[in-house]
Amino acid sequence: MPPTSDFRMLFMWASKPAADSIFDKLYDLGYMDAALSNPVEELIRENNPTFKS
């Protein structure tokens, strides 16, 4: 079990909102990850057999 100071540090991080630039970076990383995991052309091709790339 982590020491009490670790719990305090986690609580402090959780209670302070991050800077907008950090949220922007996390959003960009999540968007890129989703795009790599679900390529748009493959999704379109699965739902529309007549789609040609």
PDB file of N, CA and C in Angstrom:
ATOM      1  N   MET A   1       0.842  -1.168   0.000  1.00  0.00           N
ATOM      2  CA  MET A   1       0.000   0.000   0.000  1.00  0.00           C
ATOM      3  C   MET A   1       0.898   1.246   0.000  1.00  0.00           C
ATOM      4  N   PRO A   2       0.585   2.238  -0.888  1.00  0.00           N
ATOM      5  CA  PRO A   2       1.418   3.444  -0.953  1.00  0.00           C
ATOM      6  C   PRO A   2       1.334   4.250   0.332  1.00  0.00           C
ATOM      7  N   PRO A   3       2.381   4.983   0.638  1.00  0.00           N
ATOM      8  CA  PRO A   3       2.361   5.850   1.830  1.00  0.00           C
ATOM      9  C   PRO A   3       1.290   6.926   1.712  1.00  0.00           C
ATOM     10  N   THR A   4       0.904   7.488   2.833  1.00  0.00           N
ATOM     11  CA  THR A   4      -0.139   8.518   2.885  1.00  0.00           C
ATOM     12  C   THR A   4       0.202   9.711   2.001  1.00  0.00           C
ATOM     13  N   SER A   5       1.481  10.060   1.917  1.00  0.00           N
ATOM     14  CA  SER A   5       1.865  11.212   1.099  1.00  0.00           C
ATOM     15  C   SER A   5       1.521  10.986  -0.374  1.00  0.00           C
ATOM     16  N   ASP A   6       1.579   9.739  -0.831  1.00  0.00           N
ATOM     17  CA  ASP A   6       1.196   9.445  -2.220  1.00  0.00           C
ATOM     18  C   ASP A   6      -0.293   9.694  -2.433  1.00  0.00           C
ATOM     19  N   PHE A   7      -1.099   9.308  -1.444  1.00  0.00           N
ATOM     20  CA  PHE A   7      -2.537   9.557  -1.554  1.00  0.00           C
ATOM     21  C   PHE A   7      -2.822  11.053  -1.590  1.00  0.00           C
ATOM     22  N   ARG A   8      -2.107  11.809  -0.756  1.00  0.00           N
ATOM     23  CA  ARG A   8      -2.298  13.270  -0.749  1.00  0.00           C
ATOM     24  C   ARG A   8      -1.930  13.863  -2.101  1.00  0.00           C
ATOM     25  N   MET A   9      -0.824  13.395  -2.673  1.00  0.00           N
ATOM     26  CA  MET A   9      -0.386  13.911  -3.966  1.00  0.00           C
ATOM     27  C   MET A   9      -1.421  13.584  -5.047  1.00  0.00           C
ATOM     28  N   LEU A  10      -1.934  12.367  -5.066  1.00  0.00           N
ATOM     29  CA  LEU A  10      -2.954  12.001  -6.045  1.00  0.00           C
ATOM     30  C   LEU A  10      -4.208  12.852  -5.877  1.00  0.00           C
ATOM     31  N   PHE A  11      -4.599  13.085  -4.628  1.00  0.00           N
ATOM     32  CA  PHE A  11      -5.772  13.912  -4.376  1.00  0.00           C
ATOM     33  C   PHE A  11      -5.545  15.338  -4.852  1.00  0.00           C
ATOM     34  N   MET A  12      -4.356  15.877  -4.621  1.00  0.00           N
ATOM     35  CA  MET A  12      -4.047  17.239  -5.057  1.00  0.00           C
ATOM     36  C   MET A  12      -4.106  17.323  -6.583  1.00  0.00           C
ATOM     37  N   TRP A  13      -3.555  16.333  -7.264  1.00  0.00           N
ATOM     38  CA  TRP A  13      -3.606  16.341  -8.734  1.00  0.00           C
ATOM     39  C   TRP A  13      -5.043  16.246  -9.229  1.00  0.00           C
ATOM     40  N   ALA A  14      -5.829  15.406  -8.572  1.00  0.00           N
ATOM     41  CA  ALA A  14      -7.218  15.213  -9.004  1.00  0.00           C
ATOM     42  C   ALA A  14      -8.069  16.451  -8.727  1.00  0.00           C
ATOM     43  N   SER A  15      -7.723  17.228  -7.712  1.00  0.00           N
ATOM     44  CA  SER A  15      -8.549  18.375  -7.356  1.00  0.00           C
ATOM     45  C   SER A  15      -8.183  19.650  -8.113  1.00  0.00           C
ATOM     46  N   LYS A  16      -7.064  19.649  -8.834  1.00  0.00           N
ATOM     47  CA  LYS A  16      -6.653  20.828  -9.596  1.00  0.00           C
ATOM     48  C   LYS A  16      -6.866  20.560 -11.084  1.00  0.00           C
ATOM     49  N   PRO A  17      -7.624  21.409 -11.757  1.00  0.00           N
ATOM     50  CA  PRO A  17      -7.775  21.208 -13.193  1.00  0.00           C
ATOM     51  C   PRO A  17      -6.447  21.480 -13.918  1.00  0.00           C
ATOM     52  N   ALA A  18      -6.221  20.740 -14.955  1.00  0.00           N
ATOM     53  CA  ALA A  18      -4.997  20.918 -15.737  1.00  0.00           C
ATOM     54  C   ALA A  18      -5.135  22.147 -16.634  1.00  0.00           C
ATOM     55  N   ALA A  19      -4.026  22.591 -17.156  1.00  0.00           N
ATOM     56  CA  ALA A  19      -4.028  23.718 -18.097  1.00  0.00           C
ATOM     57  C   ALA A  19      -4.703  23.287 -19.399  1.00  0.00           C
ATOM     58  N   ASP A  20      -5.287  24.251 -20.086  1.00  0.00           N
ATOM     59  CA  ASP A  20      -5.964  23.951 -21.352  1.00  0.00           C
ATOM     60  C   ASP A  20      -5.036  23.285 -22.348  1.00  0.00           C
ATOM     61  N   SER A  21      -3.770  23.666 -22.351  1.00  0.00           N
ATOM     62  CA  SER A  21      -2.829  23.074 -23.310  1.00  0.00           C
ATOM     63  C   SER A  21      -2.668  21.574 -23.068  1.00  0.00           C
ATOM     64  N   ILE A  22      -2.752  21.147 -21.828  1.00  0.00           N
ATOM     65  CA  ILE A  22      -2.644  19.712 -21.528  1.00  0.00           C
ATOM     66  C   ILE A  22      -3.886  18.985 -22.028  1.00  0.00           C
ATOM     67  N   PHE A  23      -5.063  19.565 -21.790  1.00  0.00           N
ATOM     68  CA  PHE A  23      -6.287  18.949 -22.294  1.00  0.00           C
ATOM     69  C   PHE A  23      -6.285  18.892 -23.821  1.00  0.00           C
ATOM     70  N   ASP A  24      -5.798  19.942 -24.464  1.00  0.00           N
ATOM     71  CA  ASP A  24      -5.711  19.952 -25.928  1.00  0.00           C
ATOM     72  C   ASP A  24      -4.809  18.833 -26.426  1.00  0.00           C
ATOM     73  N   LYS A  25      -3.667  18.650 -25.775  1.00  0.00           N
ATOM     74  CA  LYS A  25      -2.726  17.599 -26.177  1.00  0.00           C
ATOM     75  C   LYS A  25      -3.351  16.217 -25.966  1.00  0.00           C
ATOM     76  N   LEU A  26      -4.011  16.008 -24.833  1.00  0.00           N
ATOM     77  CA  LEU A  26      -4.666  14.727 -24.574  1.00  0.00           C
ATOM     78  C   LEU A  26      -5.766  14.453 -25.605  1.00  0.00           C
ATOM     79  N   TYR A  27      -6.518  15.490 -25.970  1.00  0.00           N
ATOM     80  CA  TYR A  27      -7.562  15.340 -26.983  1.00  0.00           C
ATOM     81  C   TYR A  27      -6.936  14.931 -28.317  1.00  0.00           C
ATOM     82  N   ASP A  28      -5.862  15.617 -28.710  1.00  0.00           N
ATOM     83  CA  ASP A  28      -5.192  15.292 -29.974  1.00  0.00           C
ATOM     84  C   ASP A  28      -4.673  13.853 -29.970  1.00  0.00           C
ATOM     85  N   LEU A  29      -4.061  13.442 -28.861  1.00  0.00           N
ATOM     86  CA  LEU A  29      -3.546  12.075 -28.771  1.00  0.00           C
ATOM     87  C   LEU A  29      -4.683  11.052 -28.848  1.00  0.00           C
ATOM     88  N   GLY A  30      -5.783  11.322 -28.176  1.00  0.00           N
ATOM     89  CA  GLY A  30      -6.929  10.418 -28.227  1.00  0.00           C
ATOM     90  C   GLY A  30      -7.528  10.355 -29.619  1.00  0.00           C
ATOM     91  N   TYR A  31      -7.590  11.497 -30.293  1.00  0.00           N
ATOM     92  CA  TYR A  31      -8.134  11.542 -31.657  1.00  0.00           C
ATOM     93  C   TYR A  31      -7.254  10.732 -32.606  1.00  0.00           C
ATOM     94  N   MET A  32      -5.924  10.912 -32.474  1.00  0.00           N
ATOM     95  CA  MET A  32      -5.004  10.153 -33.334  1.00  0.00           C
ATOM     96  C   MET A  32      -5.107   8.655 -33.049  1.00  0.00           C
ATOM     97  N   ASP A  33      -5.222   8.281 -31.785  1.00  0.00           N
ATOM     98  CA  ASP A  33      -5.332   6.882 -31.412  1.00  0.00           C
ATOM     99  C   ASP A  33      -6.606   6.272 -31.992  1.00  0.00           C
ATOM    100  N   ALA A  34      -7.705   6.998 -31.908  1.00  0.00           N
ATOM    101  CA  ALA A  34      -8.967   6.504 -32.455  1.00  0.00           C
ATOM    102  C   ALA A  34      -8.883   6.372 -33.973  1.00  0.00           C
ATOM    103  N   ALA A  35      -8.215   7.306 -34.621  1.00  0.00           N
ATOM    104  CA  ALA A  35      -8.085   7.246 -36.079  1.00  0.00           C
ATOM    105  C   ALA A  35      -7.242   6.050 -36.506  1.00  0.00           C
ATOM    106  N   LEU A  36      -6.225   5.722 -35.725  1.00  0.00           N
ATOM    107  CA  LEU A  36      -5.393   4.563 -36.055  1.00  0.00           C
ATOM    108  C   LEU A  36      -6.128   3.263 -35.785  1.00  0.00           C
ATOM    109  N   SER A  37      -6.946   3.253 -34.749  1.00  0.00           N
ATOM    110  CA  SER A  37      -7.678   2.041 -34.376  1.00  0.00           C
ATOM    111  C   SER A  37      -8.868   1.790 -35.287  1.00  0.00           C
ATOM    112  N   ASN A  38      -9.439   2.847 -35.840  1.00  0.00           N
ATOM    113  CA  ASN A  38     -10.643   2.744 -36.670  1.00  0.00           C
ATOM    114  C   ASN A  38     -10.486   3.578 -37.928  1.00  0.00           C
ATOM    115  N   PRO A  39      -9.674   3.133 -38.887  1.00  0.00           N
ATOM    116  CA  PRO A  39      -9.519   3.923 -40.108  1.00  0.00           C
ATOM    117  C   PRO A  39     -10.870   4.173 -40.782  1.00  0.00           C
ATOM    118  N   VAL A  40     -11.100   5.409 -41.152  1.00  0.00           N
ATOM    119  CA  VAL A  40     -12.388   5.823 -41.704  1.00  0.00           C
ATOM    120  C   VAL A  40     -12.759   5.023 -42.944  1.00  0.00           C
ATOM    121  N   GLU A  41     -11.812   4.824 -43.855  1.00  0.00           N
ATOM    122  CA  GLU A  41     -12.137   4.093 -45.078  1.00  0.00           C
ATOM    123  C   GLU A  41     -12.600   2.675 -44.794  1.00  0.00           C
ATOM    124  N   GLU A  42     -11.989   2.006 -43.821  1.00  0.00           N
ATOM    125  CA  GLU A  42     -12.411   0.648 -43.482  1.00  0.00           C
ATOM    126  C   GLU A  42     -13.827   0.640 -42.919  1.00  0.00           C
ATOM    127  N   LEU A  43     -14.132   1.617 -42.074  1.00  0.00           N
ATOM    128  CA  LEU A  43     -15.474   1.689 -41.504  1.00  0.00           C
ATOM    129  C   LEU A  43     -16.508   1.954 -42.585  1.00  0.00           C
ATOM    130  N   ILE A  44     -16.185   2.831 -43.517  1.00  0.00           N
ATOM    131  CA  ILE A  44     -17.117   3.129 -44.613  1.00  0.00           C
ATOM    132  C   ILE A  44     -17.284   1.895 -45.490  1.00  0.00           C
ATOM    133  N   ARG A  45     -16.179   1.227 -45.785  1.00  0.00           N
ATOM    134  CA  ARG A  45     -16.216   0.044 -46.638  1.00  0.00           C
ATOM    135  C   ARG A  45     -17.073  -1.052 -45.996  1.00  0.00           C
ATOM    136  N   GLU A  46     -16.966  -1.213 -44.674  1.00  0.00           N
ATOM    137  CA  GLU A  46     -17.755  -2.234 -43.980  1.00  0.00           C
ATOM    138  C   GLU A  46     -19.245  -1.933 -44.077  1.00  0.00           C
ATOM    139  N   ASN A  47     -19.602  -0.663 -44.001  1.00  0.00           N
ATOM    140  CA  ASN A  47     -21.023  -0.281 -44.012  1.00  0.00           C
ATOM    141  C   ASN A  47     -21.569  -0.047 -45.410  1.00  0.00           C
ATOM    142  N   ASN A  48     -20.697   0.076 -46.390  1.00  0.00           N
ATOM    143  CA  ASN A  48     -21.143   0.350 -47.755  1.00  0.00           C
ATOM    144  C   ASN A  48     -20.278  -0.467 -48.718  1.00  0.00           C
ATOM    145  N   PRO A  49     -20.728  -1.654 -49.105  1.00  0.00           N
ATOM    146  CA  PRO A  49     -19.912  -2.526 -49.950  1.00  0.00           C
ATOM    147  C   PRO A  49     -19.572  -1.922 -51.311  1.00  0.00           C
ATOM    148  N   THR A  50     -20.295  -0.913 -51.755  1.00  0.00           N
ATOM    149  CA  THR A  50     -20.005  -0.315 -53.070  1.00  0.00           C
ATOM    150  C   THR A  50     -18.961   0.772 -52.995  1.00  0.00           C
ATOM    151  N   PHE A  51     -18.454   1.080 -51.800  1.00  0.00           N
ATOM    152  CA  PHE A  51     -17.450   2.118 -51.627  1.00  0.00           C
ATOM    153  C   PHE A  51     -16.151   1.692 -52.295  1.00  0.00           C
ATOM    154  N   LYS A  52     -15.561   2.610 -53.088  1.00  0.00           N
ATOM    155  CA  LYS A  52     -14.270   2.352 -53.733  1.00  0.00           C
ATOM    156  C   LYS A  52     -13.316   3.456 -53.333  1.00  0.00           C
ATOM    157  N   SER A  53     -12.115   3.068 -52.885  1.00  0.00           N
ATOM    158  CA  SER A  53     -11.154   4.089 -52.477  1.00  0.00           C
ATOM    159  C   SER A  53     -10.218   4.432 -53.604  1.00  0.00           C
TER     160      SER A  53
END
